[in-house]
Structures are given as structure tokens and as C-alpha cells.
Amino acid sequence: MPLLRDYYRLGVRYMTLTWSNTNEWADSSGDVDDKNVAHHEGLTQFGREVIREMNRLGMMVDISHVSDKTFFQTLTISRAPVIASHSSSRALTNVPRNMTDDMLRAMKENNGVVMVNFYSGFIDTDFSAANKATRPERDQKQKELDDKYKDADPKTRALAQQKFDLEVAAKLPRPPFKALIDHIDHIAKVAGVDHVG
């Protein structure tokens, strides 16, 4: 806990419990189905202590990226409202990073806030499916690009990466603006207008 207190003294006021990978103390939604990853069935004892210490310090607990089990355990342990700094609705776009309606109702009970993630893969099913389907080809082309420019100067490498990224983006379906509004509207309807951002 000393490191957490050091970060708080330096001005950190919220912390996301996981990113796309499970860590030593909390399961992530990003690898929840990966049988090669050792999971904790949510939070470890240390993870529970981290949440309690964050509450004591006045640091907000961010549950974006966590697994469903980690989410519900966190809400049981936390004595303060939590935030989802960048999450959308799973009822509209079925990806593990998004929140189910049960989660949204739990956020209302916790008096927390769900901030909608604007990334296309989390607000549009067509984009999410196309992105997933083309990932193996993109990963291969990214590896080839990395190999080709590994010894290039940073500016040349950055320009090549930018060109590649634009080519990838042009091949994926662009979600309508309505998709984003639908997520905001759905979360407001399920959790309440005071609990969506």
C-alpha cells in the first residue's frame, strides 16, 4: 500500500483496477476467456485491501476493463461510489468490456457514474465484428511493417505507421453517430440520468 499512498500524495485521484490483462490482484474483461491466464475469480485478498485503502484515501475506484466478477465484488467492498471511466452498454454492443444492464443498475445503487466509451468497437456491433474478423491479417501486416522499419529513424517509422493505420481504418465500417447516442440514452434509461457521462 505504500506505493498507492505515494501516488495519492503525488495527486492521483482515481485508478483503474485492471487494463486489458488480468494482474496479480484483479481479473480483467480483456482475457477472461483465455484459458492460458490464471484468474482469481474476481479480486484477490490484496485487491480487496487496495479498494479499502483507495476508499480511505478518497481515491476513486475505476471499474472500466474489469471482469464481471471483479465488478460485482468491487461494488460489494467499496464504501464509496465507483466510476466506469470509459464503458458502454453490452445490451447494445456485446463485448466483454461493456456493462450489462445488471451492472448499470448496480452502478445506480452504488451512486456511481458510467462514462460512455466513444471507441467504435464498443458502440457498434458491425465495427466490432469487422475489427475482430480482420485482426489476424492486420496483426501479420503490422509485424511486417515493424520488421521493415525496425532500423528506420523515428520520423520515417511514424509516417509508415500512420499510413498503415489510415489504410486499416478505411477498410472498417464507420459507425453512425446515432450508435454513440444510443449508448448514452440506454445507460440513462437503465441507470438513470445522474449515472451516465
C-alpha atoms as a PDB file:
ATOM      1  CA  MET A   1       0.000   0.000   0.000  1.00  0.00           C
ATOM      2  CA  PRO A   2       2.859   2.498   0.382  1.00  0.00           C
ATOM      3  CA  LEU A   3       3.038   2.896  -3.406  1.00  0.00           C
ATOM      4  CA  LEU A   4      -0.691   3.645  -3.600  1.00  0.00           C
ATOM      5  CA  ARG A   5      -0.292   6.286  -0.884  1.00  0.00           C
ATOM      6  CA  ASP A   6       2.707   7.750  -2.744  1.00  0.00           C
ATOM      7  CA  TYR A   7       0.626   8.104  -5.907  1.00  0.00           C
ATOM      8  CA  TYR A   8      -2.139   9.766  -3.911  1.00  0.00           C
ATOM      9  CA  ARG A   9       0.362  12.245  -2.440  1.00  0.00           C
ATOM     10  CA  LEU A  10       1.531  12.988  -5.994  1.00  0.00           C
ATOM     11  CA  GLY A  11      -2.041  13.901  -6.988  1.00  0.00           C
ATOM     12  CA  VAL A  12      -3.526  10.669  -8.394  1.00  0.00           C
ATOM     13  CA  ARG A  13      -7.245  10.701  -7.579  1.00  0.00           C
ATOM     14  CA  TYR A  14      -8.538   7.621  -9.374  1.00  0.00           C
ATOM     15  CA  MET A  15      -7.168   4.286 -10.514  1.00  0.00           C
ATOM     16  CA  THR A  16      -8.465   1.676 -12.945  1.00  0.00           C
ATOM     17  CA  LEU A  17      -8.187  -1.740 -11.282  1.00  0.00           C
ATOM     18  CA  THR A  18      -7.084  -3.563 -14.458  1.00  0.00           C
ATOM     19  CA  TRP A  19      -6.379  -2.869 -18.079  1.00  0.00           C
ATOM     20  CA  SER A  20      -6.901  -5.472 -20.827  1.00  0.00           C
ATOM     21  CA  ASN A  21      -4.907  -8.040 -18.878  1.00  0.00           C
ATOM     22  CA  THR A  22      -5.530  -9.713 -15.539  1.00  0.00           C
ATOM     23  CA  ASN A  23      -2.994  -8.588 -12.958  1.00  0.00           C
ATOM     24  CA  GLU A  24      -1.870 -10.091  -9.639  1.00  0.00           C
ATOM     25  CA  TRP A  25      -4.922  -8.826  -7.807  1.00  0.00           C
ATOM     26  CA  ALA A  26      -7.908  -8.425 -10.161  1.00  0.00           C
ATOM     27  CA  ASP A  27      -9.367 -10.166 -13.219  1.00  0.00           C
ATOM     28  CA  SER A  28      -9.776  -8.221 -16.454  1.00  0.00           C
ATOM     29  CA  SER A  29     -12.538  -8.481 -19.043  1.00  0.00           C
ATOM     30  CA  GLY A  30      -9.827  -8.485 -21.724  1.00  0.00           C
ATOM     31  CA  ASP A  31      -8.604 -12.021 -21.089  1.00  0.00           C
ATOM     32  CA  VAL A  32     -11.474 -13.511 -19.083  1.00  0.00           C
ATOM     33  CA  ASP A  33     -11.970 -16.310 -21.650  1.00  0.00           C
ATOM     34  CA  ASP A  34      -8.251 -17.057 -22.081  1.00  0.00           C
ATOM     35  CA  LYS A  35      -7.570 -20.478 -20.537  1.00  0.00           C
ATOM     36  CA  ASN A  36      -3.817 -19.728 -20.502  1.00  0.00           C
ATOM     37  CA  VAL A  37      -4.277 -16.918 -17.976  1.00  0.00           C
ATOM     38  CA  ALA A  38      -4.503 -17.671 -14.265  1.00  0.00           C
ATOM     39  CA  HIS A  39      -7.597 -15.930 -12.929  1.00  0.00           C
ATOM     40  CA  HIS A  40      -8.630 -15.133  -9.347  1.00  0.00           C
ATOM     41  CA  GLU A  41     -12.412 -15.462  -9.646  1.00  0.00           C
ATOM     42  CA  GLY A  42     -12.527 -11.679  -9.338  1.00  0.00           C
ATOM     43  CA  LEU A  43     -10.405  -9.975  -6.698  1.00  0.00           C
ATOM     44  CA  THR A  44      -7.639 -11.398  -4.554  1.00  0.00           C
ATOM     45  CA  GLN A  45      -7.403 -10.526  -0.871  1.00  0.00           C
ATOM     46  CA  PHE A  46      -4.793  -7.916  -1.796  1.00  0.00           C
ATOM     47  CA  GLY A  47      -7.209  -6.460  -4.364  1.00  0.00           C
ATOM     48  CA  ARG A  48      -9.836  -6.099  -1.654  1.00  0.00           C
ATOM     49  CA  GLU A  49      -7.300  -4.290   0.535  1.00  0.00           C
ATOM     50  CA  VAL A  50      -6.419  -1.949  -2.348  1.00  0.00           C
ATOM     51  CA  ILE A  51     -10.079  -0.940  -2.727  1.00  0.00           C
ATOM     52  CA  ARG A  52     -10.440  -0.343   1.019  1.00  0.00           C
ATOM     53  CA  GLU A  53      -7.297   1.799   1.017  1.00  0.00           C
ATOM     54  CA  MET A  54      -8.489   3.759  -2.011  1.00  0.00           C
ATOM     55  CA  ASN A  55     -11.737   4.435  -0.133  1.00  0.00           C
ATOM     56  CA  ARG A  56      -9.803   5.526   2.956  1.00  0.00           C
ATOM     57  CA  LEU A  57      -7.613   7.890   0.932  1.00  0.00           C
ATOM     58  CA  GLY A  58     -10.509   9.345  -1.050  1.00  0.00           C
ATOM     59  CA  MET A  59      -9.267   7.918  -4.361  1.00  0.00           C
ATOM     60  CA  MET A  60     -11.980   6.923  -6.844  1.00  0.00           C
ATOM     61  CA  VAL A  61     -12.154   3.262  -7.873  1.00  0.00           C
ATOM     62  CA  ASP A  62     -12.470   2.834 -11.661  1.00  0.00           C
ATOM     63  CA  ILE A  63     -14.090  -0.422 -12.812  1.00  0.00           C
ATOM     64  CA  SER A  64     -13.690   0.001 -16.591  1.00  0.00           C
ATOM     65  CA  HIS A  65     -11.854  -3.035 -18.029  1.00  0.00           C
ATOM     66  CA  VAL A  66     -12.595  -5.374 -15.101  1.00  0.00           C
ATOM     67  CA  SER A  67     -14.296  -8.774 -15.404  1.00  0.00           C
ATOM     68  CA  ASP A  68     -17.918  -9.160 -14.335  1.00  0.00           C
ATOM     69  CA  LYS A  69     -16.892 -10.946 -11.122  1.00  0.00           C
ATOM     70  CA  THR A  70     -14.362  -8.234 -10.286  1.00  0.00           C
ATOM     71  CA  PHE A  71     -17.028  -5.597 -10.921  1.00  0.00           C
ATOM     72  CA  PHE A  72     -19.621  -7.072  -8.552  1.00  0.00           C
ATOM     73  CA  GLN A  73     -17.054  -7.859  -5.848  1.00  0.00           C
ATOM     74  CA  THR A  74     -15.739  -4.291  -6.058  1.00  0.00           C
ATOM     75  CA  LEU A  75     -19.212  -2.840  -5.552  1.00  0.00           C
ATOM     76  CA  THR A  76     -19.704  -5.096  -2.541  1.00  0.00           C
ATOM     77  CA  ILE A  77     -16.429  -3.968  -0.955  1.00  0.00           C
ATOM     78  CA  SER A  78     -16.333  -0.275  -1.837  1.00  0.00           C
ATOM     79  CA  ARG A  79     -17.847   2.102   0.690  1.00  0.00           C
ATOM     80  CA  ALA A  80     -17.804   4.949  -1.834  1.00  0.00           C
ATOM     81  CA  PRO A  81     -19.316   5.401  -5.298  1.00  0.00           C
ATOM     82  CA  VAL A  82     -17.200   3.955  -8.114  1.00  0.00           C
ATOM     83  CA  ILE A  83     -16.725   5.176 -11.676  1.00  0.00           C
ATOM     84  CA  ALA A  84     -16.526   3.470 -15.028  1.00  0.00           C
ATOM     85  CA  SER A  85     -14.268   5.978 -16.776  1.00  0.00           C
ATOM     86  CA  HIS A  86     -14.860   4.507 -20.246  1.00  0.00           C
ATOM     87  CA  SER A  87     -17.511   1.802 -20.603  1.00  0.00           C
ATOM     88  CA  SER A  88     -20.546   1.349 -22.838  1.00  0.00           C
ATOM     89  CA  SER A  89     -23.651  -0.867 -22.882  1.00  0.00           C
ATOM     90  CA  ARG A  90     -23.343  -4.616 -23.510  1.00  0.00           C
ATOM     91  CA  ALA A  91     -27.068  -4.786 -24.354  1.00  0.00           C
ATOM     92  CA  LEU A  92     -26.306  -2.703 -27.462  1.00  0.00           C
ATOM     93  CA  THR A  93     -22.795  -3.949 -28.320  1.00  0.00           C
ATOM     94  CA  ASN A  94     -21.971  -7.355 -26.895  1.00  0.00           C
ATOM     95  CA  VAL A  95     -18.311  -7.115 -25.965  1.00  0.00           C
ATOM     96  CA  PRO A  96     -16.911  -8.080 -22.531  1.00  0.00           C
ATOM     97  CA  ARG A  97     -15.604  -4.554 -21.906  1.00  0.00           C
ATOM     98  CA  ASN A  98     -19.136  -3.169 -21.888  1.00  0.00           C
ATOM     99  CA  MET A  99     -21.519  -3.232 -18.933  1.00  0.00           C
ATOM    100  CA  THR A 100     -24.632  -5.403 -18.679  1.00  0.00           C
ATOM    101  CA  ASP A 101     -27.943  -3.913 -17.599  1.00  0.00           C
ATOM    102  CA  ASP A 102     -27.485  -5.609 -14.202  1.00  0.00           C
ATOM    103  CA  MET A 103     -24.166  -3.771 -13.861  1.00  0.00           C
ATOM    104  CA  LEU A 104     -25.816  -0.489 -14.828  1.00  0.00           C
ATOM    105  CA  ARG A 105     -28.497  -0.971 -12.177  1.00  0.00           C
ATOM    106  CA  ALA A 106     -25.770  -1.822  -9.637  1.00  0.00           C
ATOM    107  CA  MET A 107     -23.972   1.412 -10.538  1.00  0.00           C
ATOM    108  CA  LYS A 108     -27.177   3.319  -9.779  1.00  0.00           C
ATOM    109  CA  GLU A 109     -27.412   1.627  -6.359  1.00  0.00           C
ATOM    110  CA  ASN A 110     -23.748   2.476  -5.739  1.00  0.00           C
ATOM    111  CA  ASN A 111     -24.416   6.098  -6.807  1.00  0.00           C
ATOM    112  CA  GLY A 112     -21.598   5.707  -9.335  1.00  0.00           C
ATOM    113  CA  VAL A 113     -21.175   7.084 -12.856  1.00  0.00           C
ATOM    114  CA  VAL A 114     -20.698   5.273 -16.178  1.00  0.00           C
ATOM    115  CA  MET A 115     -18.773   7.340 -18.732  1.00  0.00           C
ATOM    116  CA  VAL A 116     -19.552   6.095 -22.257  1.00  0.00           C
ATOM    117  CA  ASN A 117     -16.561   4.896 -24.290  1.00  0.00           C
ATOM    118  CA  PHE A 118     -16.577   6.539 -27.750  1.00  0.00           C
ATOM    119  CA  TYR A 119     -14.360   3.880 -29.389  1.00  0.00           C
ATOM    120  CA  SER A 120     -16.196   2.361 -32.371  1.00  0.00           C
ATOM    121  CA  GLY A 121     -15.575  -1.228 -31.249  1.00  0.00           C
ATOM    122  CA  PHE A 122     -17.555  -0.632 -28.067  1.00  0.00           C
ATOM    123  CA  ILE A 123     -20.529   1.201 -29.572  1.00  0.00           C
ATOM    124  CA  ASP A 124     -21.162  -0.564 -32.889  1.00  0.00           C
ATOM    125  CA  THR A 125     -21.649  -4.300 -33.462  1.00  0.00           C
ATOM    126  CA  ASP A 126     -20.776  -4.158 -37.182  1.00  0.00           C
ATOM    127  CA  PHE A 127     -17.474  -2.403 -36.486  1.00  0.00           C
ATOM    128  CA  SER A 128     -16.687  -4.802 -33.636  1.00  0.00           C
ATOM    129  CA  ALA A 129     -17.322  -7.866 -35.846  1.00  0.00           C
ATOM    130  CA  ALA A 130     -15.293  -6.492 -38.774  1.00  0.00           C
ATOM    131  CA  ASN A 131     -12.465  -5.491 -36.468  1.00  0.00           C
ATOM    132  CA  LYS A 132     -12.336  -8.980 -34.960  1.00  0.00           C
ATOM    133  CA  ALA A 133     -12.533 -10.716 -38.355  1.00  0.00           C
ATOM    134  CA  THR A 134      -9.654  -8.715 -39.839  1.00  0.00           C
ATOM    135  CA  ARG A 135      -7.392  -8.822 -36.766  1.00  0.00           C
ATOM    136  CA  PRO A 136      -5.215 -11.810 -37.842  1.00  0.00           C
ATOM    137  CA  GLU A 137      -4.440 -10.193 -41.214  1.00  0.00           C
ATOM    138  CA  ARG A 138      -3.773  -6.819 -39.579  1.00  0.00           C
ATOM    139  CA  ASP A 139      -1.503  -8.373 -36.962  1.00  0.00           C
ATOM    140  CA  GLN A 140       0.528 -10.063 -39.701  1.00  0.00           C
ATOM    141  CA  LYS A 141       0.825  -6.829 -41.694  1.00  0.00           C
ATOM    142  CA  GLN A 142       1.750  -4.932 -38.510  1.00  0.00           C
ATOM    143  CA  LYS A 143       4.549  -7.440 -37.847  1.00  0.00           C
ATOM    144  CA  GLU A 144       5.822  -6.996 -41.415  1.00  0.00           C
ATOM    145  CA  LEU A 145       5.746  -3.214 -41.000  1.00  0.00           C
ATOM    146  CA  ASP A 146       7.599  -3.419 -37.677  1.00  0.00           C
ATOM    147  CA  ASP A 147      10.256  -5.664 -39.228  1.00  0.00           C
ATOM    148  CA  LYS A 148      10.655  -3.442 -42.295  1.00  0.00           C
ATOM    149  CA  TYR A 149      11.082  -0.233 -40.280  1.00  0.00           C
ATOM    150  CA  LYS A 150      12.839  -1.582 -37.170  1.00  0.00           C
ATOM    151  CA  ASP A 151      16.079   0.248 -38.031  1.00  0.00           C
ATOM    152  CA  ALA A 152      14.464   3.337 -39.576  1.00  0.00           C
ATOM    153  CA  ASP A 153      14.605   6.732 -37.942  1.00  0.00           C
ATOM    154  CA  PRO A 154      11.605   7.533 -35.668  1.00  0.00           C
ATOM    155  CA  LYS A 155      10.040  10.025 -38.104  1.00  0.00           C
ATOM    156  CA  THR A 156      10.089   7.579 -41.045  1.00  0.00           C
ATOM    157  CA  ARG A 157       8.714   4.804 -38.825  1.00  0.00           C
ATOM    158  CA  ALA A 158       5.953   7.082 -37.511  1.00  0.00           C
ATOM    159  CA  LEU A 159       4.900   8.112 -41.034  1.00  0.00           C
ATOM    160  CA  ALA A 160       4.780   4.465 -42.166  1.00  0.00           C
ATOM    161  CA  GLN A 161       2.684   3.573 -39.095  1.00  0.00           C
ATOM    162  CA  GLN A 162       0.326   6.468 -39.723  1.00  0.00           C
ATOM    163  CA  LYS A 163      -0.188   5.376 -43.353  1.00  0.00           C
ATOM    164  CA  PHE A 164      -0.849   1.802 -42.223  1.00  0.00           C
ATOM    165  CA  ASP A 165      -3.340   2.949 -39.555  1.00  0.00           C
ATOM    166  CA  LEU A 166      -5.252   5.061 -42.105  1.00  0.00           C
ATOM    167  CA  GLU A 167      -5.439   2.111 -44.533  1.00  0.00           C
ATOM    168  CA  VAL A 168      -6.800  -0.110 -41.740  1.00  0.00           C
ATOM    169  CA  ALA A 169      -9.381   2.494 -40.698  1.00  0.00           C
ATOM    170  CA  ALA A 170     -10.577   2.913 -44.315  1.00  0.00           C
ATOM    171  CA  LYS A 171     -11.438  -0.801 -44.520  1.00  0.00           C
ATOM    172  CA  LEU A 172     -13.598  -0.864 -41.380  1.00  0.00           C
ATOM    173  CA  PRO A 173     -17.257   0.265 -41.352  1.00  0.00           C
ATOM    174  CA  ARG A 174     -17.735   3.682 -39.823  1.00  0.00           C
ATOM    175  CA  PRO A 175     -20.391   3.613 -37.082  1.00  0.00           C
ATOM    176  CA  PRO A 176     -23.191   6.150 -37.318  1.00  0.00           C
ATOM    177  CA  PHE A 177     -23.216   8.945 -34.751  1.00  0.00           C
ATOM    178  CA  LYS A 178     -26.546   7.517 -33.580  1.00  0.00           C
ATOM    179  CA  ALA A 179     -24.703   4.471 -32.160  1.00  0.00           C
ATOM    180  CA  LEU A 180     -22.964   6.674 -29.602  1.00  0.00           C
ATOM    181  CA  ILE A 181     -26.188   8.493 -28.694  1.00  0.00           C
ATOM    182  CA  ASP A 182     -27.977   5.149 -28.299  1.00  0.00           C
ATOM    183  CA  HIS A 183     -25.428   4.032 -25.683  1.00  0.00           C
ATOM    184  CA  ILE A 184     -25.778   7.256 -23.710  1.00  0.00           C
ATOM    185  CA  ASP A 185     -29.571   7.021 -23.920  1.00  0.00           C
ATOM    186  CA  HIS A 186     -29.676   3.345 -22.913  1.00  0.00           C
ATOM    187  CA  ILE A 187     -27.452   3.856 -19.877  1.00  0.00           C
ATOM    188  CA  ALA A 188     -29.511   6.879 -18.831  1.00  0.00           C
ATOM    189  CA  LYS A 189     -32.697   4.814 -19.099  1.00  0.00           C
ATOM    190  CA  VAL A 190     -31.334   1.837 -17.150  1.00  0.00           C
ATOM    191  CA  ALA A 191     -29.109   3.521 -14.558  1.00  0.00           C
ATOM    192  CA  GLY A 192     -30.675   6.970 -14.522  1.00  0.00           C
ATOM    193  CA  VAL A 193     -29.573  10.283 -15.995  1.00  0.00           C
ATOM    194  CA  ASP A 194     -27.461  11.070 -12.908  1.00  0.00           C
ATOM    195  CA  HIS A 195     -25.322   7.994 -13.557  1.00  0.00           C
ATOM    196  CA  VAL A 196     -24.245   8.462 -17.197  1.00  0.00           C
ATOM    197  CA  GLY A 197     -21.479  10.642 -18.587  1.00  0.00           C
END
